[in-house]
Protein backbone atom coordinates (compact mmCIF):
# COMPACT_ATOMS: atom_id res chain seq x y z
CA MET A 1 13.15 -17.43 -5.90
CA SER A 2 10.13 -15.21 -6.48
CA LEU A 3 8.67 -11.84 -5.58
CA LEU A 4 5.12 -11.43 -4.32
CA ALA A 5 3.15 -8.39 -5.42
CA LEU A 6 -0.20 -7.01 -4.30
CA ALA A 7 -2.04 -4.46 -6.41
CA ALA A 8 -5.31 -3.39 -4.86
CA GLY A 9 -8.12 -0.89 -5.15
CA PRO A 10 -11.81 -0.65 -4.23
CA THR A 11 -12.86 -2.51 -7.37
CA GLY A 12 -10.35 -5.34 -7.43
CA VAL A 13 -7.21 -7.05 -6.19
CA VAL A 14 -4.42 -8.73 -8.14
CA ALA A 15 -1.75 -10.84 -6.48
CA ALA A 16 1.19 -12.21 -8.43
CA ALA A 17 4.42 -14.11 -7.92
CA VAL A 18 7.15 -13.04 -10.31
CA ALA A 19 10.43 -14.79 -11.05
CA PRO A 20 13.73 -12.85 -11.39
CA ASP A 21 13.49 -13.04 -15.18
CA GLY A 22 10.13 -11.25 -15.06
CA THR A 23 7.98 -14.34 -15.63
CA VAL A 24 4.68 -14.34 -13.75
CA VAL A 25 4.69 -17.80 -12.18
CA ALA A 26 1.33 -17.47 -10.40
CA SER A 27 -1.44 -14.91 -10.18
CA ALA A 28 -4.92 -14.50 -8.77
CA GLU A 29 -7.64 -11.86 -8.81
CA ARG A 30 -10.44 -11.07 -6.39
CA VAL A 31 -13.23 -8.51 -6.27
CA PRO A 32 -14.03 -7.15 -2.79
CA ALA A 33 -17.55 -7.97 -1.60
CA GLY A 34 -18.14 -4.30 -0.80
CA PRO A 35 -16.53 -0.87 -0.37
CA ALA A 36 -15.48 -1.42 3.25
CA PRO A 37 -11.72 -1.63 3.87
CA ASP A 38 -12.23 -4.95 5.70
CA GLU A 39 -13.72 -6.42 2.52
CA LEU A 40 -10.72 -5.23 0.54
CA TRP A 41 -8.38 -6.87 3.05
CA ARG A 42 -10.27 -10.16 2.83
CA ALA A 43 -9.92 -10.06 -0.96
CA VAL A 44 -6.18 -9.38 -0.61
CA LEU A 45 -5.72 -12.36 1.69
CA ALA A 46 -7.71 -14.60 -0.62
CA ALA A 47 -5.73 -13.60 -3.71
CA ALA A 48 -2.37 -13.75 -1.94
CA GLY A 49 -3.22 -17.11 -0.40
CA GLU A 50 -4.05 -18.58 -3.81
CA VAL A 51 -0.75 -17.37 -5.24
CA LEU A 52 1.32 -18.58 -2.29
CA ALA A 53 -0.30 -22.02 -2.59
CA GLN A 54 1.33 -22.31 -6.03
CA VAL A 55 4.87 -21.33 -5.00
CA GLU A 56 7.21 -22.19 -2.16
CA PRO A 57 6.66 -19.42 0.43
CA ALA A 58 10.21 -19.87 1.73
CA ASP A 59 11.46 -18.85 -1.73
CA VAL A 60 9.62 -15.50 -1.69
CA VAL A 61 12.31 -12.88 -1.08
CA GLY A 62 10.24 -9.71 -1.16
CA LEU A 63 6.71 -8.32 -1.04
CA GLY A 64 5.69 -5.33 -3.12
CA ILE A 65 2.53 -3.35 -2.43
CA THR A 66 0.75 -0.85 -4.64
CA GLY A 67 -2.61 0.71 -3.97
CA ALA A 68 -5.15 2.93 -5.63
CA PRO A 69 -5.31 6.65 -4.78
CA ALA A 70 -8.30 6.25 -2.50
CA LEU A 71 -8.73 7.56 1.04
CA VAL A 72 -8.80 5.07 3.93
CA LEU A 73 -9.13 5.76 7.65
CA TRP A 74 -8.51 3.07 10.27
CA ASP A 75 -8.17 2.64 14.00
CA ARG A 76 -4.49 2.36 14.91
CA ASP A 77 -5.17 -0.24 17.60
CA THR A 78 -7.95 -2.41 16.18
CA LEU A 79 -7.28 -1.76 12.45
CA GLY A 80 -11.03 -1.42 12.01
CA SER A 81 -12.26 1.31 9.68
CA PRO A 82 -15.00 3.80 10.57
CA ARG A 83 -16.05 4.43 6.95
CA THR A 84 -15.91 3.01 3.47
CA ILE A 85 -13.05 3.63 1.05
CA ALA A 86 -13.44 7.04 -0.61
CA THR A 87 -12.23 7.57 -4.15
CA GLY A 88 -11.34 11.02 -5.39
CA PRO A 89 -8.77 13.66 -4.43
CA PHE A 90 -7.14 13.14 -1.03
CA VAL A 91 -7.48 16.56 0.61
CA PRO A 92 -11.10 17.20 -0.43
CA GLY A 93 -11.91 13.74 0.93
CA LEU A 94 -10.42 14.64 4.29
CA ARG A 95 -12.25 17.97 4.29
CA HIS A 96 -15.50 16.11 3.72
CA VAL A 97 -14.81 13.98 6.79
CA ALA A 98 -13.96 17.06 8.86
CA GLU A 99 -17.15 18.85 7.82
CA HIS A 100 -19.65 16.00 7.80
CA GLU A 101 -18.26 13.39 10.23
CA PRO A 102 -17.14 15.37 13.29
CA HIS A 103 -16.84 12.35 15.57
CA THR A 104 -14.57 10.55 13.09
CA TRP A 105 -12.53 13.69 12.51
CA ALA A 106 -12.06 14.22 16.24
CA LEU A 107 -10.45 10.79 16.43
CA VAL A 108 -8.19 11.68 13.50
CA GLU A 109 -7.09 14.82 15.34
CA ALA A 110 -6.58 12.80 18.52
CA ASP A 111 -4.26 10.44 16.60
CA ARG A 112 -6.60 7.50 17.24
CA TYR A 113 -7.37 7.08 13.54
CA ALA A 114 -4.67 6.81 10.89
CA VAL A 115 -5.07 8.32 7.44
CA GLY A 116 -3.67 6.96 4.21
CA ASP A 117 -4.27 5.49 0.78
CA VAL A 118 -4.93 1.86 -0.08
CA GLY A 119 -1.23 0.99 -0.16
CA SER A 120 -0.52 2.34 3.32
CA TYR A 121 -3.67 0.64 4.63
CA LEU A 122 -2.54 -2.74 3.26
CA LEU A 123 0.89 -2.27 4.83
CA ALA A 124 -0.74 -1.53 8.18
CA ARG A 125 -2.93 -4.62 7.95
CA ALA A 126 -0.05 -6.86 6.85
CA THR A 127 2.09 -5.70 9.80
CA ARG A 128 -0.71 -5.82 12.40
CA GLY A 129 -0.67 -2.06 12.66
CA LEU A 130 3.02 -1.77 13.45
CA GLU A 131 3.73 0.23 10.29
CA HIS A 132 1.96 3.33 9.00
CA ALA A 133 3.95 4.37 5.97
CA THR A 134 3.84 5.48 2.38
CA ASP A 135 6.43 6.30 -0.26
CA PRO A 136 7.07 9.60 -2.08
CA THR A 137 5.33 8.47 -5.27
CA ALA A 138 2.08 7.93 -3.36
CA ALA A 139 2.57 10.95 -1.11
CA ALA A 140 3.03 13.25 -4.10
CA ARG A 141 -0.53 12.72 -5.31
CA THR A 142 -1.95 14.03 -2.01
CA THR A 143 -0.63 17.56 -2.82
CA LEU A 144 0.72 17.67 0.76
CA LEU A 145 4.30 16.73 -0.14
CA ASP A 146 6.99 19.38 -0.28
CA PRO A 147 8.58 18.85 -3.73
CA THR A 148 11.90 20.25 -2.55
CA THR A 149 12.42 18.31 0.68
CA ARG A 150 10.34 15.29 -0.40
CA ASP A 151 8.79 15.36 3.06
CA TRP A 152 5.33 16.33 4.27
CA SER A 153 4.88 20.09 4.06
CA GLU A 154 3.84 21.59 7.39
CA GLU A 155 2.54 24.66 5.56
CA ARG A 156 0.43 22.69 3.11
CA CYS A 157 -0.96 20.46 5.86
CA ALA A 158 -1.85 23.49 7.97
CA ALA A 159 -3.54 25.21 5.05
CA ALA A 160 -5.54 22.07 4.28
CA GLY A 161 -6.40 21.50 7.95
CA VAL A 162 -4.78 18.05 7.91
CA PRO A 163 -3.03 16.93 11.13
CA LEU A 164 0.53 16.07 10.24
CA ASP A 165 0.64 13.26 12.81
CA ALA A 166 -2.25 11.46 11.11
CA LEU A 167 -0.29 11.01 7.88
CA PRO A 168 1.93 8.00 7.12
CA GLU A 169 5.65 8.02 7.69
CA LEU A 170 7.53 8.59 4.46
CA VAL A 171 9.80 5.70 3.50
CA PRO A 172 11.79 4.88 0.35
CA THR A 173 9.98 3.24 -2.55
CA TRP A 174 12.19 0.16 -2.22
CA GLY A 175 14.42 -1.34 0.43
CA LEU A 176 13.77 -3.33 3.59
CA LEU A 177 10.71 -1.34 4.64
CA ALA A 178 8.88 -3.67 7.03
CA THR A 179 8.10 -7.29 7.80
CA THR A 180 4.66 -8.86 7.68
CA GLU A 181 3.16 -10.23 10.87
CA PRO A 182 2.36 -13.96 10.62
CA SER A 183 -0.77 -13.64 12.77
CA THR A 184 -2.37 -11.32 10.23
CA PHE A 185 -0.69 -12.26 6.95
CA LEU A 186 -1.27 -15.90 6.15
CA GLY A 187 1.11 -17.15 8.82
CA LEU A 188 4.10 -15.64 7.03
CA SER A 189 6.87 -13.28 8.00
CA LEU A 190 7.84 -11.70 4.69
CA PRO A 191 10.09 -8.72 4.07
CA VAL A 192 8.19 -5.81 2.53
CA THR A 193 10.69 -4.47 0.04
CA GLY A 194 8.53 -2.28 -2.21
CA LEU A 195 5.80 0.32 -1.65
CA VAL A 196 4.73 2.38 -4.64
CA ALA A 197 1.83 4.33 -6.12
CA ALA A 198 -0.25 2.46 -8.67
CA GLU A 199 0.65 4.89 -11.45
CA SER A 200 4.36 4.45 -10.87
CA ALA A 201 3.96 0.68 -10.56
CA ALA A 202 2.13 0.57 -13.87
CA ALA A 203 4.93 2.58 -15.49
CA HIS A 204 7.54 0.08 -14.24
CA GLY A 205 5.40 -2.90 -15.24
CA GLY A 206 4.46 -1.93 -18.77
CA GLY A 207 0.93 -0.99 -17.73
CA ALA A 208 0.50 -3.79 -15.17
CA PRO A 209 0.63 -2.42 -11.59
CA ALA A 210 1.14 -5.86 -10.02
CA LEU A 211 4.13 -6.56 -12.23
CA GLY A 212 5.55 -3.12 -11.47
CA ALA A 213 5.08 -3.68 -7.73
CA ALA A 214 7.00 -6.95 -8.07
CA TYR A 215 9.80 -5.16 -9.90
CA VAL A 216 10.00 -2.53 -7.16
CA ALA A 217 10.05 -5.30 -4.54
CA GLY A 218 12.89 -6.94 -6.45
CA LEU A 219 14.89 -3.72 -6.38
CA GLY A 220 14.39 -3.57 -2.63
CA ALA A 221 15.39 -7.21 -2.21
CA GLY A 222 18.51 -6.81 -4.31
CA VAL A 223 17.30 -9.03 -7.15
CA TRP A 224 18.07 -6.16 -9.51
CA ALA A 225 20.64 -3.46 -8.75
CA SER A 226 18.82 -0.62 -10.53
CA VAL A 227 15.83 0.10 -12.73
CA ASP A 228 18.09 -0.41 -15.72
CA ASP A 229 18.28 -4.10 -14.80
CA LEU A 230 14.53 -4.68 -14.76
CA PRO A 231 13.20 -7.29 -17.19
CA THR A 232 11.26 -5.96 -20.16
CA ALA A 233 7.56 -6.01 -19.32
């Protein structure tokens, strides 16, 4: 049994397979060829493919995803991206698009383009666009989350000029969140059982986001009953 984790950002990708005792049984790293989201996805597939070649895919019980706090826009139907990945605060990044890329912003407002961070983009790619989601730990860093309801704040979105419908669905950090689509994810149908912000993943993994993402995936897959059961990083 093992858990597959993907930790990705504009500057690099780490994939790892982690055993229930916390041992990293396989890992791989890739650097995207450029800042385009498509290049990041190719790096993810390459790193994940190398790791899965070293384990038995049928024994992988959960996939955990963590992504950098960078802004990604993509076409909901084609999954193509109209612009490169933008680092920096989320709302100012969207305001820049609205002010300087009116054609792109019109498609965001028309619900043709989805908006999210790296983690939600990877989930969309891995599920062939069927899922557009993020978890509260990642949503909190956008400043658009209502801290009381733990849902998107209509007031904050309106004040920022961000269409609520363009944002990802909020899902739990762990659990049975989605299933990968074989046609887009290395021929595999894997349960996505963890989705977490890189900072939170690093906290769970002793500073290693990929390890933390695996731990979160293990919680979602029932490998560990609670965070108190996690192996020591």
